[in-house]
């Protein structure tokens, strides 16, 4: 399954869309892998990673994500989609949360590297 890195609901409302969800939808269309937008949630509205120094980024995302609908995650190989890779803190945190919820494997893809 394909899972986009989620935005906090407040940030998504402000922006009007989640850019990683847009990317993940297109990737799902091209690969025919199912897109799951409700198995990973951002539960803390944290400052954007771009506003932080490199050493602050891992602390910033700690405990910012949680799973939902865990039965759909069990034993699955998940392709986690994010827009930009800088330090990998966001991807590591999301992958860790998904693995703890029972994902068999988590792979990641990004569109850009900062």
PDB file of N, CA and C in Angstrom:
ATOM      1  N   UNK A   1       0.831  -1.183   0.000  1.00  0.00           N
ATOM      2  CA  UNK A   1       0.000   0.000   0.000  1.00  0.00           C
ATOM      3  C   UNK A   1       0.878   1.250   0.000  1.00  0.00           C
ATOM      4  N   UNK A   2       0.317   2.331  -0.454  1.00  0.00           N
ATOM      5  CA  UNK A   2       1.002   3.619  -0.474  1.00  0.00           C
ATOM      6  C   UNK A   2       0.394   4.498   0.618  1.00  0.00           C
ATOM      7  N   UNK A   3       1.257   5.092   1.436  1.00  0.00           N
ATOM      8  CA  UNK A   3       0.812   5.954   2.532  1.00  0.00           C
ATOM      9  C   UNK A   3       1.566   7.285   2.455  1.00  0.00           C
ATOM     10  N   UNK A   4       0.856   8.397   2.260  1.00  0.00           N
ATOM     11  CA  UNK A   4       1.528   9.700   2.273  1.00  0.00           C
ATOM     12  C   UNK A   4       1.800  10.155   3.701  1.00  0.00           C
ATOM     13  N   UNK A   5       2.883  10.879   3.903  1.00  0.00           N
ATOM     14  CA  UNK A   5       3.138  11.504   5.202  1.00  0.00           C
ATOM     15  C   UNK A   5       2.040  12.551   5.400  1.00  0.00           C
ATOM     16  N   UNK A   6       1.294  12.440   6.487  1.00  0.00           N
ATOM     17  CA  UNK A   6       0.156  13.346   6.669  1.00  0.00           C
ATOM     18  C   UNK A   6       0.548  14.719   7.207  1.00  0.00           C
ATOM     19  N   UNK A   7      -0.303  15.668   6.934  1.00  0.00           N
ATOM     20  CA  UNK A   7      -0.236  16.984   7.566  1.00  0.00           C
ATOM     21  C   UNK A   7      -1.161  16.966   8.770  1.00  0.00           C
ATOM     22  N   UNK A   8      -0.900  17.819   9.738  1.00  0.00           N
ATOM     23  CA  UNK A   8      -1.850  18.005  10.830  1.00  0.00           C
ATOM     24  C   UNK A   8      -3.120  18.609  10.231  1.00  0.00           C
ATOM     25  N   UNK A   9      -4.273  18.258  10.772  1.00  0.00           N
ATOM     26  CA  UNK A   9      -5.550  18.720  10.207  1.00  0.00           C
ATOM     27  C   UNK A   9      -5.630  20.242  10.097  1.00  0.00           C
ATOM     28  N   UNK A  10      -5.052  20.961  11.059  1.00  0.00           N
ATOM     29  CA  UNK A  10      -5.074  22.428  11.023  1.00  0.00           C
ATOM     30  C   UNK A  10      -4.248  22.950   9.843  1.00  0.00           C
ATOM     31  N   UNK A  11      -3.077  22.357   9.644  1.00  0.00           N
ATOM     32  CA  UNK A  11      -2.208  22.783   8.529  1.00  0.00           C
ATOM     33  C   UNK A  11      -2.845  22.448   7.182  1.00  0.00           C
ATOM     34  N   UNK A  12      -3.475  21.287   7.109  1.00  0.00           N
ATOM     35  CA  UNK A  12      -4.136  20.903   5.853  1.00  0.00           C
ATOM     36  C   UNK A  12      -5.286  21.855   5.539  1.00  0.00           C
ATOM     37  N   UNK A  13      -6.018  22.246   6.565  1.00  0.00           N
ATOM     38  CA  UNK A  13      -7.122  23.192   6.375  1.00  0.00           C
ATOM     39  C   UNK A  13      -6.586  24.538   5.871  1.00  0.00           C
ATOM     40  N   UNK A  14      -5.468  25.007   6.463  1.00  0.00           N
ATOM     41  CA  UNK A  14      -4.871  26.281   6.039  1.00  0.00           C
ATOM     42  C   UNK A  14      -4.403  26.219   4.593  1.00  0.00           C
ATOM     43  N   UNK A  15      -3.720  25.137   4.247  1.00  0.00           N
ATOM     44  CA  UNK A  15      -3.144  24.996   2.914  1.00  0.00           C
ATOM     45  C   UNK A  15      -4.199  24.605   1.877  1.00  0.00           C
ATOM     46  N   UNK A  16      -5.168  23.821   2.304  1.00  0.00           N
ATOM     47  CA  UNK A  16      -6.204  23.369   1.384  1.00  0.00           C
ATOM     48  C   UNK A  16      -5.936  22.014   0.755  1.00  0.00           C
ATOM     49  N   UNK A  17      -4.749  21.491   0.940  1.00  0.00           N
ATOM     50  CA  UNK A  17      -4.393  20.177   0.396  1.00  0.00           C
ATOM     51  C   UNK A  17      -3.117  19.696   1.070  1.00  0.00           C
ATOM     52  N   UNK A  18      -2.838  18.398   0.906  1.00  0.00           N
ATOM     53  CA  UNK A  18      -1.592  17.815   1.395  1.00  0.00           C
ATOM     54  C   UNK A  18      -0.766  17.448   0.163  1.00  0.00           C
ATOM     55  N   UNK A  19       0.347  18.100  -0.024  1.00  0.00           N
ATOM     56  CA  UNK A  19       1.163  17.885  -1.215  1.00  0.00           C
ATOM     57  C   UNK A  19       1.642  16.444  -1.342  1.00  0.00           C
ATOM     58  N   UNK A  20       1.940  15.785  -0.233  1.00  0.00           N
ATOM     59  CA  UNK A  20       2.397  14.396  -0.335  1.00  0.00           C
ATOM     60  C   UNK A  20       1.246  13.470  -0.726  1.00  0.00           C
ATOM     61  N   UNK A  21       0.032  13.833  -0.342  1.00  0.00           N
ATOM     62  CA  UNK A  21      -1.123  13.044  -0.756  1.00  0.00           C
ATOM     63  C   UNK A  21      -1.343  13.160  -2.258  1.00  0.00           C
ATOM     64  N   UNK A  22      -1.153  14.342  -2.813  1.00  0.00           N
ATOM     65  CA  UNK A  22      -1.266  14.545  -4.258  1.00  0.00           C
ATOM     66  C   UNK A  22      -0.239  13.669  -4.981  1.00  0.00           C
ATOM     67  N   UNK A  23       1.007  13.678  -4.499  1.00  0.00           N
ATOM     68  CA  UNK A  23       2.056  12.851  -5.100  1.00  0.00           C
ATOM     69  C   UNK A  23       1.725  11.366  -4.967  1.00  0.00           C
ATOM     70  N   UNK A  24       1.255  10.961  -3.792  1.00  0.00           N
ATOM     71  CA  UNK A  24       0.945   9.559  -3.543  1.00  0.00           C
ATOM     72  C   UNK A  24      -0.214   9.075  -4.420  1.00  0.00           C
ATOM     73  N   UNK A  25      -1.202   9.924  -4.639  1.00  0.00           N
ATOM     74  CA  UNK A  25      -2.325   9.549  -5.511  1.00  0.00           C
ATOM     75  C   UNK A  25      -1.844   9.249  -6.923  1.00  0.00           C
ATOM     76  N   UNK A  26      -0.969  10.092  -7.424  1.00  0.00           N
ATOM     77  CA  UNK A  26      -0.447   9.872  -8.777  1.00  0.00           C
ATOM     78  C   UNK A  26       0.407   8.606  -8.825  1.00  0.00           C
ATOM     79  N   UNK A  27       1.206   8.387  -7.806  1.00  0.00           N
ATOM     80  CA  UNK A  27       2.011   7.179  -7.731  1.00  0.00           C
ATOM     81  C   UNK A  27       1.113   5.937  -7.673  1.00  0.00           C
ATOM     82  N   UNK A  28       0.038   6.022  -6.923  1.00  0.00           N
ATOM     83  CA  UNK A  28      -0.923   4.925  -6.863  1.00  0.00           C
ATOM     84  C   UNK A  28      -1.573   4.658  -8.202  1.00  0.00           C
ATOM     85  N   UNK A  29      -1.905   5.705  -8.914  1.00  0.00           N
ATOM     86  CA  UNK A  29      -2.506   5.551 -10.248  1.00  0.00           C
ATOM     87  C   UNK A  29      -1.534   4.864 -11.195  1.00  0.00           C
ATOM     88  N   UNK A  30      -0.260   5.259 -11.132  1.00  0.00           N
ATOM     89  CA  UNK A  30       0.746   4.684 -12.030  1.00  0.00           C
ATOM     90  C   UNK A  30       1.089   3.236 -11.695  1.00  0.00           C
ATOM     91  N   UNK A  31       1.068   2.892 -10.416  1.00  0.00           N
ATOM     92  CA  UNK A  31       1.489   1.556  -9.991  1.00  0.00           C
ATOM     93  C   UNK A  31       0.326   0.616  -9.728  1.00  0.00           C
ATOM     94  N   UNK A  32      -0.869   1.173  -9.549  1.00  0.00           N
ATOM     95  CA  UNK A  32      -2.063   0.422  -9.180  1.00  0.00           C
ATOM     96  C   UNK A  32      -1.993  -0.154  -7.765  1.00  0.00           C
ATOM     97  N   UNK A  33      -1.055   0.358  -6.931  1.00  0.00           N
ATOM     98  CA  UNK A  33      -1.022  -0.015  -5.521  1.00  0.00           C
ATOM     99  C   UNK A  33      -2.089   0.805  -4.804  1.00  0.00           C
ATOM    100  N   UNK A  34      -2.741   0.236  -3.814  1.00  0.00           N
ATOM    101  CA  UNK A  34      -3.788   0.988  -3.114  1.00  0.00           C
ATOM    102  C   UNK A  34      -3.212   2.137  -2.291  1.00  0.00           C
ATOM    103  N   UNK A  35      -3.911   3.254  -2.321  1.00  0.00           N
ATOM    104  CA  UNK A  35      -3.546   4.436  -1.541  1.00  0.00           C
ATOM    105  C   UNK A  35      -4.351   4.421  -0.253  1.00  0.00           C
ATOM    106  N   UNK A  36      -3.675   4.567   0.869  1.00  0.00           N
ATOM    107  CA  UNK A  36      -4.334   4.608   2.178  1.00  0.00           C
ATOM    108  C   UNK A  36      -3.994   5.937   2.843  1.00  0.00           C
ATOM    109  N   UNK A  37      -4.972   6.801   2.948  1.00  0.00           N
ATOM    110  CA  UNK A  37      -4.732   8.130   3.529  1.00  0.00           C
ATOM    111  C   UNK A  37      -5.194   8.232   4.975  1.00  0.00           C
ATOM    112  N   UNK A  38      -5.720   7.136   5.526  1.00  0.00           N
ATOM    113  CA  UNK A  38      -6.240   7.221   6.888  1.00  0.00           C
ATOM    114  C   UNK A  38      -5.627   6.193   7.842  1.00  0.00           C
ATOM    115  N   UNK A  39      -4.449   5.682   7.534  1.00  0.00           N
ATOM    116  CA  UNK A  39      -3.788   4.747   8.454  1.00  0.00           C
ATOM    117  C   UNK A  39      -2.669   5.414   9.258  1.00  0.00           C
ATOM    118  N   UNK A  40      -2.274   6.605   8.859  1.00  0.00           N
ATOM    119  CA  UNK A  40      -1.251   7.367   9.569  1.00  0.00           C
ATOM    120  C   UNK A  40      -1.771   8.785   9.764  1.00  0.00           C
ATOM    121  N   UNK A  41      -1.724   9.255  10.994  1.00  0.00           N
ATOM    122  CA  UNK A  41      -2.232  10.587  11.336  1.00  0.00           C
ATOM    123  C   UNK A  41      -1.146  11.406  12.017  1.00  0.00           C
ATOM    124  N   UNK A  42      -1.173  12.700  11.760  1.00  0.00           N
ATOM    125  CA  UNK A  42      -0.295  13.620  12.480  1.00  0.00           C
ATOM    126  C   UNK A  42      -1.118  14.199  13.618  1.00  0.00           C
ATOM    127  N   UNK A  43      -0.707  13.900  14.833  1.00  0.00           N
ATOM    128  CA  UNK A  43      -1.526  14.258  15.996  1.00  0.00           C
ATOM    129  C   UNK A  43      -1.040  15.504  16.720  1.00  0.00           C
ATOM    130  N   UNK A  44       0.181  15.950  16.397  1.00  0.00           N
ATOM    131  CA  UNK A  44       0.696  17.187  17.000  1.00  0.00           C
ATOM    132  C   UNK A  44       0.978  18.185  15.888  1.00  0.00           C
ATOM    133  N   UNK A  45       0.512  19.394  16.059  1.00  0.00           N
ATOM    134  CA  UNK A  45       0.780  20.453  15.088  1.00  0.00           C
ATOM    135  C   UNK A  45       2.119  21.091  15.447  1.00  0.00           C
ATOM    136  N   UNK A  46       3.172  20.566  14.862  1.00  0.00           N
ATOM    137  CA  UNK A  46       4.536  20.986  15.181  1.00  0.00           C
ATOM    138  C   UNK A  46       5.036  22.014  14.181  1.00  0.00           C
ATOM    139  N   UNK A  47       6.095  22.755  14.528  1.00  0.00           N
ATOM    140  CA  UNK A  47       6.663  23.694  13.562  1.00  0.00           C
ATOM    141  C   UNK A  47       7.183  22.948  12.331  1.00  0.00           C
ATOM    142  N   UNK A  48       7.115  23.567  11.158  1.00  0.00           N
ATOM    143  CA  UNK A  48       7.658  22.924   9.960  1.00  0.00           C
ATOM    144  C   UNK A  48       9.142  22.582  10.153  1.00  0.00           C
ATOM    145  N   UNK A  49       9.546  21.437   9.631  1.00  0.00           N
ATOM    146  CA  UNK A  49      10.934  21.007   9.755  1.00  0.00           C
ATOM    147  C   UNK A  49      11.892  22.023   9.128  1.00  0.00           C
ATOM    148  N   UNK A  50      11.457  22.692   8.081  1.00  0.00           N
ATOM    149  CA  UNK A  50      12.327  23.652   7.398  1.00  0.00           C
ATOM    150  C   UNK A  50      12.734  24.812   8.283  1.00  0.00           C
ATOM    151  N   UNK A  51      11.951  25.065   9.353  1.00  0.00           N
ATOM    152  CA  UNK A  51      12.257  26.188  10.238  1.00  0.00           C
ATOM    153  C   UNK A  51      13.260  25.813  11.331  1.00  0.00           C
ATOM    154  N   UNK A  52      13.712  24.562  11.344  1.00  0.00           N
ATOM    155  CA  UNK A  52      14.551  24.067  12.437  1.00  0.00           C
ATOM    156  C   UNK A  52      15.962  23.724  11.984  1.00  0.00           C
ATOM    157  N   UNK A  53      16.874  23.781  12.950  1.00  0.00           N
ATOM    158  CA  UNK A  53      18.240  23.325  12.710  1.00  0.00           C
ATOM    159  C   UNK A  53      18.229  21.796  12.608  1.00  0.00           C
ATOM    160  N   UNK A  54      19.241  21.258  11.975  1.00  0.00           N
ATOM    161  CA  UNK A  54      19.294  19.816  11.745  1.00  0.00           C
ATOM    162  C   UNK A  54      19.159  18.999  13.019  1.00  0.00           C
ATOM    163  N   UNK A  55      19.812  19.411  14.095  1.00  0.00           N
ATOM    164  CA  UNK A  55      19.769  18.629  15.326  1.00  0.00           C
ATOM    165  C   UNK A  55      18.421  18.731  16.052  1.00  0.00           C
ATOM    166  N   UNK A  56      17.576  19.682  15.682  1.00  0.00           N
ATOM    167  CA  UNK A  56      16.269  19.852  16.319  1.00  0.00           C
ATOM    168  C   UNK A  56      15.174  19.031  15.633  1.00  0.00           C
ATOM    169  N   UNK A  57      15.433  18.566  14.430  1.00  0.00           N
ATOM    170  CA  UNK A  57      14.378  17.943  13.623  1.00  0.00           C
ATOM    171  C   UNK A  57      13.865  16.626  14.188  1.00  0.00           C
ATOM    172  N   UNK A  58      14.738  15.758  14.663  1.00  0.00           N
ATOM    173  CA  UNK A  58      14.294  14.471  15.224  1.00  0.00           C
ATOM    174  C   UNK A  58      13.435  14.695  16.467  1.00  0.00           C
ATOM    175  N   UNK A  59      13.836  15.624  17.325  1.00  0.00           N
ATOM    176  CA  UNK A  59      13.037  15.924  18.521  1.00  0.00           C
ATOM    177  C   UNK A  59      11.676  16.497  18.140  1.00  0.00           C
ATOM    178  N   UNK A  60      11.638  17.293  17.096  1.00  0.00           N
ATOM    179  CA  UNK A  60      10.409  17.942  16.664  1.00  0.00           C
ATOM    180  C   UNK A  60       9.340  16.927  16.255  1.00  0.00           C
ATOM    181  N   UNK A  61       9.726  15.870  15.561  1.00  0.00           N
ATOM    182  CA  UNK A  61       8.735  14.912  15.051  1.00  0.00           C
ATOM    183  C   UNK A  61       8.434  13.766  16.017  1.00  0.00           C
ATOM    184  N   UNK A  62       9.195  13.668  17.098  1.00  0.00           N
ATOM    185  CA  UNK A  62       8.980  12.588  18.068  1.00  0.00           C
ATOM    186  C   UNK A  62       7.543  12.633  18.596  1.00  0.00           C
ATOM    187  N   UNK A  63       6.860  11.514  18.483  1.00  0.00           N
ATOM    188  CA  UNK A  63       5.479  11.358  18.957  1.00  0.00           C
ATOM    189  C   UNK A  63       4.483  12.285  18.256  1.00  0.00           C
ATOM    190  N   UNK A  64       4.802  12.736  17.051  1.00  0.00           N
ATOM    191  CA  UNK A  64       3.888  13.599  16.305  1.00  0.00           C
ATOM    192  C   UNK A  64       2.916  12.804  15.437  1.00  0.00           C
ATOM    193  N   UNK A  65       3.176  11.502  15.260  1.00  0.00           N
ATOM    194  CA  UNK A  65       2.361  10.661  14.386  1.00  0.00           C
ATOM    195  C   UNK A  65       1.819   9.465  15.149  1.00  0.00           C
ATOM    196  N   UNK A  66       0.651   8.982  14.708  1.00  0.00           N
ATOM    197  CA  UNK A  66       0.102   7.752  15.264  1.00  0.00           C
ATOM    198  C   UNK A  66      -0.670   7.033  14.153  1.00  0.00           C
ATOM    199  N   UNK A  67      -0.913   5.764  14.377  1.00  0.00           N
ATOM    200  CA  UNK A  67      -1.647   4.989  13.392  1.00  0.00           C
ATOM    201  C   UNK A  67      -3.124   4.949  13.733  1.00  0.00           C
ATOM    202  N   UNK A  68      -3.903   4.628  12.730  1.00  0.00           N
ATOM    203  CA  UNK A  68      -5.334   4.389  12.855  1.00  0.00           C
ATOM    204  C   UNK A  68      -5.645   3.219  11.925  1.00  0.00           C
ATOM    205  N   UNK A  69      -6.734   2.552  12.148  1.00  0.00           N
ATOM    206  CA  UNK A  69      -7.107   1.424  11.293  1.00  0.00           C
ATOM    207  C   UNK A  69      -5.967   0.414  11.178  1.00  0.00           C
ATOM    208  N   UNK A  70      -5.397   0.068  12.316  1.00  0.00           N
ATOM    209  CA  UNK A  70      -4.198  -0.773  12.349  1.00  0.00           C
ATOM    210  C   UNK A  70      -4.392  -2.131  11.688  1.00  0.00           C
ATOM    211  N   UNK A  71      -5.622  -2.624  11.656  1.00  0.00           N
ATOM    212  CA  UNK A  71      -5.851  -3.916  11.015  1.00  0.00           C
ATOM    213  C   UNK A  71      -5.481  -3.889   9.534  1.00  0.00           C
ATOM    214  N   UNK A  72      -5.536  -2.719   8.914  1.00  0.00           N
ATOM    215  CA  UNK A  72      -5.169  -2.606   7.490  1.00  0.00           C
ATOM    216  C   UNK A  72      -3.653  -2.533   7.296  1.00  0.00           C
ATOM    217  N   UNK A  73      -2.909  -2.277   8.374  1.00  0.00           N
ATOM    218  CA  UNK A  73      -1.449  -2.167   8.314  1.00  0.00           C
ATOM    219  C   UNK A  73      -0.784  -3.527   8.523  1.00  0.00           C
ATOM    220  N   UNK A  74      -1.424  -4.395   9.291  1.00  0.00           N
ATOM    221  CA  UNK A  74      -0.846  -5.672   9.707  1.00  0.00           C
ATOM    222  C   UNK A  74      -0.274  -6.461   8.526  1.00  0.00           C
ATOM    223  N   UNK A  75       1.031  -6.766   8.610  1.00  0.00           N
ATOM    224  CA  UNK A  75       1.686  -7.618   7.628  1.00  0.00           C
ATOM    225  C   UNK A  75       1.895  -7.006   6.254  1.00  0.00           C
ATOM    226  N   UNK A  76       1.634  -5.731   6.098  1.00  0.00           N
ATOM    227  CA  UNK A  76       1.728  -5.073   4.783  1.00  0.00           C
ATOM    228  C   UNK A  76       3.116  -4.485   4.540  1.00  0.00           C
ATOM    229  N   UNK A  77       3.467  -4.420   3.273  1.00  0.00           N
ATOM    230  CA  UNK A  77       4.631  -3.659   2.835  1.00  0.00           C
ATOM    231  C   UNK A  77       4.095  -2.285   2.455  1.00  0.00           C
ATOM    232  N   UNK A  78       4.642  -1.259   3.084  1.00  0.00           N
ATOM    233  CA  UNK A  78       4.135   0.099   2.912  1.00  0.00           C
ATOM    234  C   UNK A  78       5.175   0.962   2.204  1.00  0.00           C
ATOM    235  N   UNK A  79       4.719   1.683   1.190  1.00  0.00           N
ATOM    236  CA  UNK A  79       5.545   2.686   0.538  1.00  0.00           C
ATOM    237  C   UNK A  79       5.121   4.035   1.106  1.00  0.00           C
ATOM    238  N   UNK A  80       6.000   4.629   1.896  1.00  0.00           N
ATOM    239  CA  UNK A  80       5.751   5.903   2.551  1.00  0.00           C
ATOM    240  C   UNK A  80       6.210   7.022   1.611  1.00  0.00           C
ATOM    241  N   UNK A  81       5.349   7.985   1.349  1.00  0.00           N
ATOM    242  CA  UNK A  81       5.641   9.053   0.393  1.00  0.00           C
ATOM    243  C   UNK A  81       5.778  10.380   1.125  1.00  0.00           C
ATOM    244  N   UNK A  82       6.881  11.072   0.870  1.00  0.00           N
ATOM    245  CA  UNK A  82       7.086  12.422   1.400  1.00  0.00           C
ATOM    246  C   UNK A  82       7.583  13.301   0.262  1.00  0.00           C
ATOM    247  N   UNK A  83       7.506  14.600   0.435  1.00  0.00           N
ATOM    248  CA  UNK A  83       7.916  15.495  -0.645  1.00  0.00           C
ATOM    249  C   UNK A  83       9.419  15.748  -0.657  1.00  0.00           C
ATOM    250  N   UNK A  84      10.009  16.042   0.501  1.00  0.00           N
ATOM    251  CA  UNK A  84      11.425  16.410   0.556  1.00  0.00           C
ATOM    252  C   UNK A  84      12.146  15.608   1.630  1.00  0.00           C
ATOM    253  N   UNK A  85      13.306  15.096   1.291  1.00  0.00           N
ATOM    254  CA  UNK A  85      14.179  14.400   2.244  1.00  0.00           C
ATOM    255  C   UNK A  85      15.314  15.348   2.612  1.00  0.00           C
ATOM    256  N   UNK A  86      15.441  15.651   3.891  1.00  0.00           N
ATOM    257  CA  UNK A  86      16.557  16.471   4.358  1.00  0.00           C
ATOM    258  C   UNK A  86      17.415  15.645   5.300  1.00  0.00           C
ATOM    259  N   UNK A  87      16.905  15.342   6.477  1.00  0.00           N
ATOM    260  CA  UNK A  87      17.666  14.525   7.432  1.00  0.00           C
ATOM    261  C   UNK A  87      17.085  13.125   7.583  1.00  0.00           C
ATOM    262  N   UNK A  88      15.889  12.917   7.097  1.00  0.00           N
ATOM    263  CA  UNK A  88      15.218  11.632   7.244  1.00  0.00           C
ATOM    264  C   UNK A  88      14.435  11.494   8.538  1.00  0.00           C
ATOM    265  N   UNK A  89      14.399  12.530   9.359  1.00  0.00           N
ATOM    266  CA  UNK A  89      13.713  12.458  10.656  1.00  0.00           C
ATOM    267  C   UNK A  89      12.235  12.131  10.522  1.00  0.00           C
ATOM    268  N   UNK A  90      11.551  12.781   9.611  1.00  0.00           N
ATOM    269  CA  UNK A  90      10.120  12.536   9.437  1.00  0.00           C
ATOM    270  C   UNK A  90       9.877  11.112   8.959  1.00  0.00           C
ATOM    271  N   UNK A  91      10.626  10.684   7.959  1.00  0.00           N
ATOM    272  CA  UNK A  91      10.446   9.328   7.437  1.00  0.00           C
ATOM    273  C   UNK A  91      10.768   8.275   8.492  1.00  0.00           C
ATOM    274  N   UNK A  92      11.833   8.484   9.258  1.00  0.00           N
ATOM    275  CA  UNK A  92      12.178   7.519  10.316  1.00  0.00           C
ATOM    276  C   UNK A  92      11.076   7.425  11.364  1.00  0.00           C
ATOM    277  N   UNK A  93      10.545   8.551  11.782  1.00  0.00           N
ATOM    278  CA  UNK A  93       9.494   8.547  12.794  1.00  0.00           C
ATOM    279  C   UNK A  93       8.229   7.866  12.265  1.00  0.00           C
ATOM    280  N   UNK A  94       7.815   8.218  11.063  1.00  0.00           N
ATOM    281  CA  UNK A  94       6.614   7.600  10.482  1.00  0.00           C
ATOM    282  C   UNK A  94       6.816   6.097  10.280  1.00  0.00           C
ATOM    283  N   UNK A  95       7.969   5.697   9.784  1.00  0.00           N
ATOM    284  CA  UNK A  95       8.254   4.274   9.573  1.00  0.00           C
ATOM    285  C   UNK A  95       8.230   3.522  10.901  1.00  0.00           C
ATOM    286  N   UNK A  96       8.787   4.100  11.924  1.00  0.00           N
ATOM    287  CA  UNK A  96       8.803   3.477  13.241  1.00  0.00           C
ATOM    288  C   UNK A  96       7.385   3.263  13.765  1.00  0.00           C
ATOM    289  N   UNK A  97       6.534   4.252  13.614  1.00  0.00           N
ATOM    290  CA  UNK A  97       5.142   4.163  14.059  1.00  0.00           C
ATOM    291  C   UNK A  97       4.414   3.060  13.281  1.00  0.00           C
ATOM    292  N   UNK A  98       4.625   3.005  11.980  1.00  0.00           N
ATOM    293  CA  UNK A  98       3.968   1.995  11.153  1.00  0.00           C
ATOM    294  C   UNK A  98       4.466   0.583  11.490  1.00  0.00           C
ATOM    295  N   UNK A  99       5.755   0.439  11.723  1.00  0.00           N
ATOM    296  CA  UNK A  99       6.315  -0.868  12.089  1.00  0.00           C
ATOM    297  C   UNK A  99       5.778  -1.328  13.442  1.00  0.00           C
ATOM    298  N   UNK A 100       5.708  -0.437  14.406  1.00  0.00           N
ATOM    299  CA  UNK A 100       5.159  -0.796  15.719  1.00  0.00           C
ATOM    300  C   UNK A 100       3.702  -1.236  15.614  1.00  0.00           C
ATOM    301  N   UNK A 101       2.999  -0.730  14.614  1.00  0.00           N
ATOM    302  CA  UNK A 101       1.591  -1.081  14.411  1.00  0.00           C
ATOM    303  C   UNK A 101       1.429  -2.373  13.629  1.00  0.00           C
ATOM    304  N   UNK A 102       2.550  -2.982  13.201  1.00  0.00           N
ATOM    305  CA  UNK A 102       2.458  -4.281  12.555  1.00  0.00           C
ATOM    306  C   UNK A 102       2.802  -4.343  11.082  1.00  0.00           C
ATOM    307  N   UNK A 103       3.262  -3.233  10.501  1.00  0.00           N
ATOM    308  CA  UNK A 103       3.675  -3.281   9.102  1.00  0.00           C
ATOM    309  C   UNK A 103       4.839  -4.259   8.951  1.00  0.00           C
ATOM    310  N   UNK A 104       4.809  -5.037   7.900  1.00  0.00           N
ATOM    311  CA  UNK A 104       5.881  -6.000   7.635  1.00  0.00           C
ATOM    312  C   UNK A 104       7.164  -5.274   7.253  1.00  0.00           C
ATOM    313  N   UNK A 105       7.017  -4.255   6.438  1.00  0.00           N
ATOM    314  CA  UNK A 105       8.170  -3.509   5.924  1.00  0.00           C
ATOM    315  C   UNK A 105       7.697  -2.116   5.525  1.00  0.00           C
ATOM    316  N   UNK A 106       8.565  -1.136   5.703  1.00  0.00           N
ATOM    317  CA  UNK A 106       8.256   0.230   5.272  1.00  0.00           C
ATOM    318  C   UNK A 106       9.394   0.706   4.378  1.00  0.00           C
ATOM    319  N   UNK A 107       9.038   1.079   3.183  1.00  0.00           N
ATOM    320  CA  UNK A 107       9.981   1.676   2.232  1.00  0.00           C
ATOM    321  C   UNK A 107       9.541   3.122   2.035  1.00  0.00           C
ATOM    322  N   UNK A 108      10.445   3.949   1.524  1.00  0.00           N
ATOM    323  CA  UNK A 108      10.114   5.356   1.375  1.00  0.00           C
ATOM    324  C   UNK A 108      10.555   5.887   0.021  1.00  0.00           C
ATOM    325  N   UNK A 109       9.822   6.881  -0.442  1.00  0.00           N
ATOM    326  CA  UNK A 109      10.177   7.599  -1.655  1.00  0.00           C
ATOM    327  C   UNK A 109       9.891   9.071  -1.423  1.00  0.00           C
ATOM    328  N   UNK A 110      10.795   9.902  -1.923  1.00  0.00           N
ATOM    329  CA  UNK A 110      10.596  11.354  -1.870  1.00  0.00           C
ATOM    330  C   UNK A 110      10.809  11.901  -3.272  1.00  0.00           C
ATOM    331  N   UNK A 111      10.357  13.107  -3.481  1.00  0.00           N
ATOM    332  CA  UNK A 111      10.483  13.743  -4.781  1.00  0.00           C
ATOM    333  C   UNK A 111      11.757  14.580  -4.862  1.00  0.00           C
ATOM    334  N   UNK A 112      12.192  15.120  -3.732  1.00  0.00           N
ATOM    335  CA  UNK A 112      13.356  16.007  -3.733  1.00  0.00           C
ATOM    336  C   UNK A 112      14.209  15.738  -2.508  1.00  0.00           C
ATOM    337  N   UNK A 113      15.457  16.173  -2.601  1.00  0.00           N
ATOM    338  CA  UNK A 113      16.383  16.105  -1.459  1.00  0.00           C
ATOM    339  C   UNK A 113      16.939  17.500  -1.233  1.00  0.00           C
ATOM    340  N   UNK A 114      16.870  17.938   0.013  1.00  0.00           N
ATOM    341  CA  UNK A 114      17.376  19.274   0.343  1.00  0.00           C
ATOM    342  C   UNK A 114      18.822  19.197   0.800  1.00  0.00           C
TER     343      UNK A 114
END
